Amino acid sequence: MYAIVETGGKQYRIQEGDLLKVESLGIAEGESVVLDKVLFVGGDDGISVGAPYVQGASVKASVVTNGKDRKVLVFKFKSKKNYRRLRGHRQHFTEIRIDSITPGA
């Protein structure tokens, strides 16, 4: 069984046992989280497509780790004007493990 869920403004295709790096959820390591914005559920018994979400469907996951991603450099430059700006950014993330997928109605 697989599902498509929405979290952090992005959509992910997941299965049970998958490790997924998502935007920071602000939940401590070892705790569980329920993702209820399920857009699609598919399996051997058929598919369920939401409008926009599947009623009653949910995904249970546990938080593996929290951290910061690799640094992304933002460099601004204007030629012949001696204008240069260098700025770095490290995005916070939460890595989760998918425990179970509950199909909806």
N, C-alpha and C. Protein backbone atom coordinates (compact mmCIF):
# COMPACT_ATOMS: atom_id res chain seq x y z
N MET A 1 0.85 -1.17 0.00
CA MET A 1 0.00 0.00 0.00
C MET A 1 0.90 1.24 0.00
N TYR A 2 0.48 2.25 -0.73
CA TYR A 2 1.21 3.51 -0.77
C TYR A 2 0.23 4.66 -0.70
N ALA A 3 0.76 5.83 -0.41
CA ALA A 3 -0.09 7.02 -0.28
C ALA A 3 0.70 8.24 -0.71
N ILE A 4 -0.04 9.29 -1.01
CA ILE A 4 0.56 10.59 -1.29
C ILE A 4 0.06 11.53 -0.21
N VAL A 5 1.00 12.11 0.55
CA VAL A 5 0.65 13.00 1.65
C VAL A 5 1.23 14.38 1.41
N GLU A 6 0.63 15.36 2.07
CA GLU A 6 1.10 16.74 1.97
C GLU A 6 1.56 17.19 3.35
N THR A 7 2.79 17.70 3.41
CA THR A 7 3.31 18.28 4.63
C THR A 7 4.36 19.32 4.28
N GLY A 8 4.33 20.43 4.96
CA GLY A 8 5.29 21.49 4.70
C GLY A 8 5.14 22.11 3.32
N GLY A 9 3.93 22.05 2.74
CA GLY A 9 3.69 22.63 1.43
C GLY A 9 4.20 21.78 0.27
N LYS A 10 4.63 20.56 0.56
CA LYS A 10 5.12 19.65 -0.49
C LYS A 10 4.36 18.35 -0.42
N GLN A 11 4.40 17.60 -1.51
CA GLN A 11 3.72 16.31 -1.58
C GLN A 11 4.74 15.20 -1.73
N TYR A 12 4.51 14.09 -1.02
CA TYR A 12 5.44 12.96 -1.02
C TYR A 12 4.68 11.67 -1.25
N ARG A 13 5.28 10.77 -2.05
CA ARG A 13 4.74 9.42 -2.23
C ARG A 13 5.45 8.53 -1.23
N ILE A 14 4.68 7.84 -0.38
CA ILE A 14 5.27 7.08 0.70
C ILE A 14 4.72 5.66 0.75
N GLN A 15 5.50 4.78 1.38
CA GLN A 15 5.08 3.42 1.70
C GLN A 15 5.49 3.15 3.14
N GLU A 16 4.98 2.06 3.71
CA GLU A 16 5.35 1.71 5.07
C GLU A 16 6.84 1.38 5.13
N GLY A 17 7.51 1.91 6.16
CA GLY A 17 8.93 1.66 6.33
C GLY A 17 9.84 2.68 5.68
N ASP A 18 9.29 3.60 4.90
CA ASP A 18 10.11 4.62 4.24
C ASP A 18 10.67 5.62 5.24
N LEU A 19 11.88 6.10 4.95
CA LEU A 19 12.46 7.23 5.67
C LEU A 19 12.26 8.47 4.81
N LEU A 20 11.78 9.53 5.40
CA LEU A 20 11.41 10.72 4.65
C LEU A 20 11.95 11.96 5.34
N LYS A 21 12.60 12.84 4.59
CA LYS A 21 13.12 14.09 5.12
C LYS A 21 12.14 15.20 4.72
N VAL A 22 11.46 15.78 5.73
CA VAL A 22 10.44 16.81 5.48
C VAL A 22 10.83 18.10 6.18
N GLU A 23 10.08 19.16 5.91
CA GLU A 23 10.29 20.42 6.61
C GLU A 23 10.13 20.21 8.12
N SER A 24 10.78 21.01 8.91
CA SER A 24 10.79 20.84 10.36
C SER A 24 9.37 20.84 10.93
N LEU A 25 9.07 19.82 11.74
CA LEU A 25 7.74 19.69 12.34
C LEU A 25 7.71 20.18 13.78
N GLY A 26 8.88 20.41 14.38
CA GLY A 26 8.93 20.89 15.75
C GLY A 26 8.54 19.83 16.77
N ILE A 27 8.80 18.57 16.46
CA ILE A 27 8.46 17.46 17.35
C ILE A 27 9.77 16.77 17.74
N ALA A 28 9.88 16.38 19.01
CA ALA A 28 11.11 15.79 19.52
C ALA A 28 11.35 14.40 18.93
N GLU A 29 12.61 13.98 18.95
CA GLU A 29 12.98 12.68 18.43
C GLU A 29 12.34 11.57 19.26
N GLY A 30 11.89 10.51 18.58
CA GLY A 30 11.27 9.38 19.25
C GLY A 30 9.77 9.48 19.39
N GLU A 31 9.21 10.67 19.24
CA GLU A 31 7.77 10.84 19.34
C GLU A 31 7.10 10.47 18.02
N SER A 32 5.78 10.29 18.07
CA SER A 32 5.05 9.93 16.86
C SER A 32 4.24 11.12 16.36
N VAL A 33 3.93 11.08 15.09
CA VAL A 33 3.17 12.16 14.45
C VAL A 33 2.15 11.51 13.51
N VAL A 34 0.99 12.15 13.38
CA VAL A 34 -0.05 11.67 12.48
C VAL A 34 -0.20 12.68 11.37
N LEU A 35 -0.01 12.23 10.12
CA LEU A 35 -0.21 13.07 8.95
C LEU A 35 -1.60 12.79 8.41
N ASP A 36 -2.48 13.80 8.47
CA ASP A 36 -3.87 13.57 8.06
C ASP A 36 -4.21 14.20 6.71
N LYS A 37 -3.27 14.90 6.10
CA LYS A 37 -3.51 15.47 4.77
C LYS A 37 -3.10 14.45 3.71
N VAL A 38 -3.93 13.44 3.53
CA VAL A 38 -3.66 12.35 2.59
C VAL A 38 -4.43 12.63 1.30
N LEU A 39 -3.71 12.76 0.20
CA LEU A 39 -4.32 13.11 -1.08
C LEU A 39 -4.74 11.88 -1.87
N PHE A 40 -4.05 10.75 -1.66
CA PHE A 40 -4.26 9.56 -2.49
C PHE A 40 -3.82 8.33 -1.70
N VAL A 41 -4.60 7.26 -1.79
CA VAL A 41 -4.23 5.98 -1.18
C VAL A 41 -4.43 4.91 -2.22
N GLY A 42 -3.39 4.09 -2.44
CA GLY A 42 -3.48 3.02 -3.42
C GLY A 42 -2.96 1.73 -2.84
N GLY A 43 -3.54 0.62 -3.27
CA GLY A 43 -3.10 -0.68 -2.79
C GLY A 43 -3.73 -1.79 -3.61
N ASP A 44 -3.69 -3.01 -3.07
CA ASP A 44 -4.25 -4.16 -3.77
C ASP A 44 -5.77 -4.10 -3.87
N ASP A 45 -6.41 -3.45 -2.90
CA ASP A 45 -7.87 -3.38 -2.89
C ASP A 45 -8.43 -2.20 -3.68
N GLY A 46 -7.60 -1.46 -4.40
CA GLY A 46 -8.05 -0.34 -5.22
C GLY A 46 -7.41 0.96 -4.78
N ILE A 47 -7.98 2.05 -5.29
CA ILE A 47 -7.43 3.36 -4.99
C ILE A 47 -8.50 4.26 -4.41
N SER A 48 -8.07 5.28 -3.67
CA SER A 48 -8.95 6.32 -3.16
C SER A 48 -8.31 7.66 -3.47
N VAL A 49 -9.04 8.51 -4.15
CA VAL A 49 -8.55 9.82 -4.51
C VAL A 49 -9.36 10.86 -3.75
N GLY A 50 -8.69 11.77 -3.10
CA GLY A 50 -9.36 12.79 -2.32
C GLY A 50 -9.71 14.02 -3.12
N ALA A 51 -10.63 14.80 -2.55
CA ALA A 51 -11.02 16.05 -3.19
C ALA A 51 -11.17 17.13 -2.13
N PRO A 52 -10.13 17.73 -1.59
CA PRO A 52 -8.73 17.50 -1.88
C PRO A 52 -8.10 16.38 -1.07
N TYR A 53 -8.70 16.00 0.10
CA TYR A 53 -8.10 14.96 0.93
C TYR A 53 -9.04 13.77 1.05
N VAL A 54 -8.47 12.59 1.29
CA VAL A 54 -9.25 11.37 1.47
C VAL A 54 -9.83 11.38 2.88
N GLN A 55 -11.16 11.21 2.99
CA GLN A 55 -11.84 11.24 4.28
C GLN A 55 -11.40 10.04 5.13
N GLY A 56 -11.00 10.29 6.36
CA GLY A 56 -10.66 9.23 7.29
C GLY A 56 -9.29 8.61 7.11
N ALA A 57 -8.56 8.99 6.09
CA ALA A 57 -7.24 8.41 5.85
C ALA A 57 -6.20 9.15 6.68
N SER A 58 -5.22 8.39 7.18
CA SER A 58 -4.15 9.00 7.96
C SER A 58 -2.90 8.16 7.84
N VAL A 59 -1.78 8.77 8.15
CA VAL A 59 -0.49 8.09 8.11
C VAL A 59 0.18 8.33 9.46
N LYS A 60 0.60 7.24 10.11
CA LYS A 60 1.31 7.36 11.38
C LYS A 60 2.79 7.21 11.11
N ALA A 61 3.58 8.12 11.71
CA ALA A 61 5.02 8.12 11.52
C ALA A 61 5.70 8.43 12.84
N SER A 62 6.96 8.05 12.95
CA SER A 62 7.74 8.38 14.14
C SER A 62 8.94 9.21 13.71
N VAL A 63 9.32 10.15 14.56
CA VAL A 63 10.42 11.06 14.27
C VAL A 63 11.74 10.35 14.56
N VAL A 64 12.61 10.29 13.56
CA VAL A 64 13.91 9.65 13.71
C VAL A 64 14.93 10.67 14.20
N THR A 65 15.00 11.81 13.52
CA THR A 65 15.98 12.83 13.90
C THR A 65 15.53 14.21 13.41
N ASN A 66 16.06 15.23 14.06
CA ASN A 66 15.90 16.61 13.63
C ASN A 66 17.29 17.13 13.30
N GLY A 67 17.37 18.06 12.35
CA GLY A 67 18.69 18.58 12.01
C GLY A 67 18.62 19.74 11.05
N LYS A 68 19.80 20.08 10.51
CA LYS A 68 19.92 21.14 9.52
C LYS A 68 20.49 20.56 8.25
N ASP A 69 19.99 21.01 7.12
CA ASP A 69 20.44 20.54 5.81
C ASP A 69 21.77 21.19 5.45
N ARG A 70 22.29 20.84 4.27
CA ARG A 70 23.52 21.45 3.78
C ARG A 70 23.31 22.93 3.52
N LYS A 71 24.40 23.68 3.57
CA LYS A 71 24.32 25.12 3.37
C LYS A 71 24.08 25.44 1.90
N VAL A 72 23.16 26.36 1.65
CA VAL A 72 22.89 26.87 0.31
C VAL A 72 23.42 28.30 0.28
N LEU A 73 24.28 28.61 -0.69
CA LEU A 73 24.85 29.95 -0.80
C LEU A 73 24.03 30.79 -1.77
N VAL A 74 23.71 32.00 -1.35
CA VAL A 74 22.99 32.96 -2.18
C VAL A 74 23.96 34.10 -2.46
N PHE A 75 24.30 34.31 -3.72
CA PHE A 75 25.28 35.32 -4.10
C PHE A 75 24.62 36.32 -5.03
N LYS A 76 24.61 37.60 -4.63
CA LYS A 76 24.07 38.67 -5.45
C LYS A 76 25.24 39.47 -6.01
N PHE A 77 25.12 39.88 -7.27
CA PHE A 77 26.23 40.54 -7.94
C PHE A 77 25.68 41.49 -9.00
N LYS A 78 26.21 42.72 -9.02
CA LYS A 78 25.88 43.66 -10.09
C LYS A 78 27.19 44.10 -10.73
N SER A 79 27.27 43.88 -12.00
CA SER A 79 28.54 44.16 -12.69
C SER A 79 28.83 45.66 -12.73
N LYS A 80 30.09 45.98 -12.65
CA LYS A 80 30.63 47.35 -12.76
C LYS A 80 30.17 48.27 -11.64
N LYS A 81 29.56 47.77 -10.59
CA LYS A 81 29.06 48.62 -9.51
C LYS A 81 29.69 48.28 -8.16
N ASN A 82 30.61 47.34 -8.12
CA ASN A 82 31.26 46.91 -6.89
C ASN A 82 30.24 46.47 -5.83
N TYR A 83 29.19 45.76 -6.28
CA TYR A 83 28.13 45.29 -5.40
C TYR A 83 28.18 43.77 -5.37
N ARG A 84 28.51 43.23 -4.20
CA ARG A 84 28.56 41.78 -4.02
C ARG A 84 28.01 41.46 -2.63
N ARG A 85 27.09 40.49 -2.55
CA ARG A 85 26.55 40.04 -1.27
C ARG A 85 26.56 38.52 -1.27
N LEU A 86 27.09 37.95 -0.21
CA LEU A 86 27.13 36.50 -0.05
C LEU A 86 26.39 36.15 1.23
N ARG A 87 25.41 35.28 1.10
CA ARG A 87 24.61 34.90 2.25
C ARG A 87 24.40 33.40 2.22
N GLY A 88 24.48 32.75 3.37
CA GLY A 88 24.26 31.31 3.47
C GLY A 88 22.98 31.01 4.21
N HIS A 89 22.40 29.84 3.92
CA HIS A 89 21.16 29.42 4.58
C HIS A 89 21.19 27.92 4.79
N ARG A 90 20.82 27.47 5.99
CA ARG A 90 20.69 26.05 6.29
C ARG A 90 19.27 25.79 6.75
N GLN A 91 18.54 24.99 5.99
CA GLN A 91 17.13 24.71 6.28
C GLN A 91 17.01 23.62 7.35
N HIS A 92 16.13 23.83 8.31
CA HIS A 92 15.85 22.83 9.33
C HIS A 92 14.98 21.73 8.73
N PHE A 93 15.21 20.48 9.15
CA PHE A 93 14.41 19.37 8.64
C PHE A 93 14.10 18.39 9.77
N THR A 94 13.11 17.54 9.52
CA THR A 94 12.76 16.44 10.40
C THR A 94 12.74 15.18 9.56
N GLU A 95 13.46 14.15 10.00
CA GLU A 95 13.45 12.88 9.29
C GLU A 95 12.48 11.95 10.01
N ILE A 96 11.50 11.42 9.26
CA ILE A 96 10.46 10.56 9.85
C ILE A 96 10.48 9.19 9.18
N ARG A 97 10.02 8.18 9.94
CA ARG A 97 9.87 6.82 9.42
C ARG A 97 8.37 6.53 9.40
N ILE A 98 7.87 6.06 8.26
CA ILE A 98 6.46 5.77 8.10
C ILE A 98 6.15 4.44 8.77
N ASP A 99 5.25 4.45 9.77
CA ASP A 99 4.91 3.24 10.50
C ASP A 99 3.70 2.53 9.90
N SER A 100 2.62 3.27 9.62
CA SER A 100 1.43 2.63 9.08
C SER A 100 0.63 3.62 8.26
N ILE A 101 -0.12 3.07 7.31
CA ILE A 101 -1.02 3.86 6.46
C ILE A 101 -2.43 3.33 6.69
N THR A 102 -3.34 4.21 7.10
CA THR A 102 -4.74 3.83 7.33
C THR A 102 -5.58 4.37 6.18
N PRO A 103 -6.15 3.48 5.34
CA PRO A 103 -7.00 3.97 4.24
C PRO A 103 -8.30 4.53 4.77
N GLY A 104 -8.83 5.48 4.07
CA GLY A 104 -10.06 6.12 4.49
C GLY A 104 -11.28 5.38 3.97
N ALA A 105 -12.38 6.12 3.90
CA ALA A 105 -13.67 5.55 3.49
C ALA A 105 -13.69 5.17 2.02
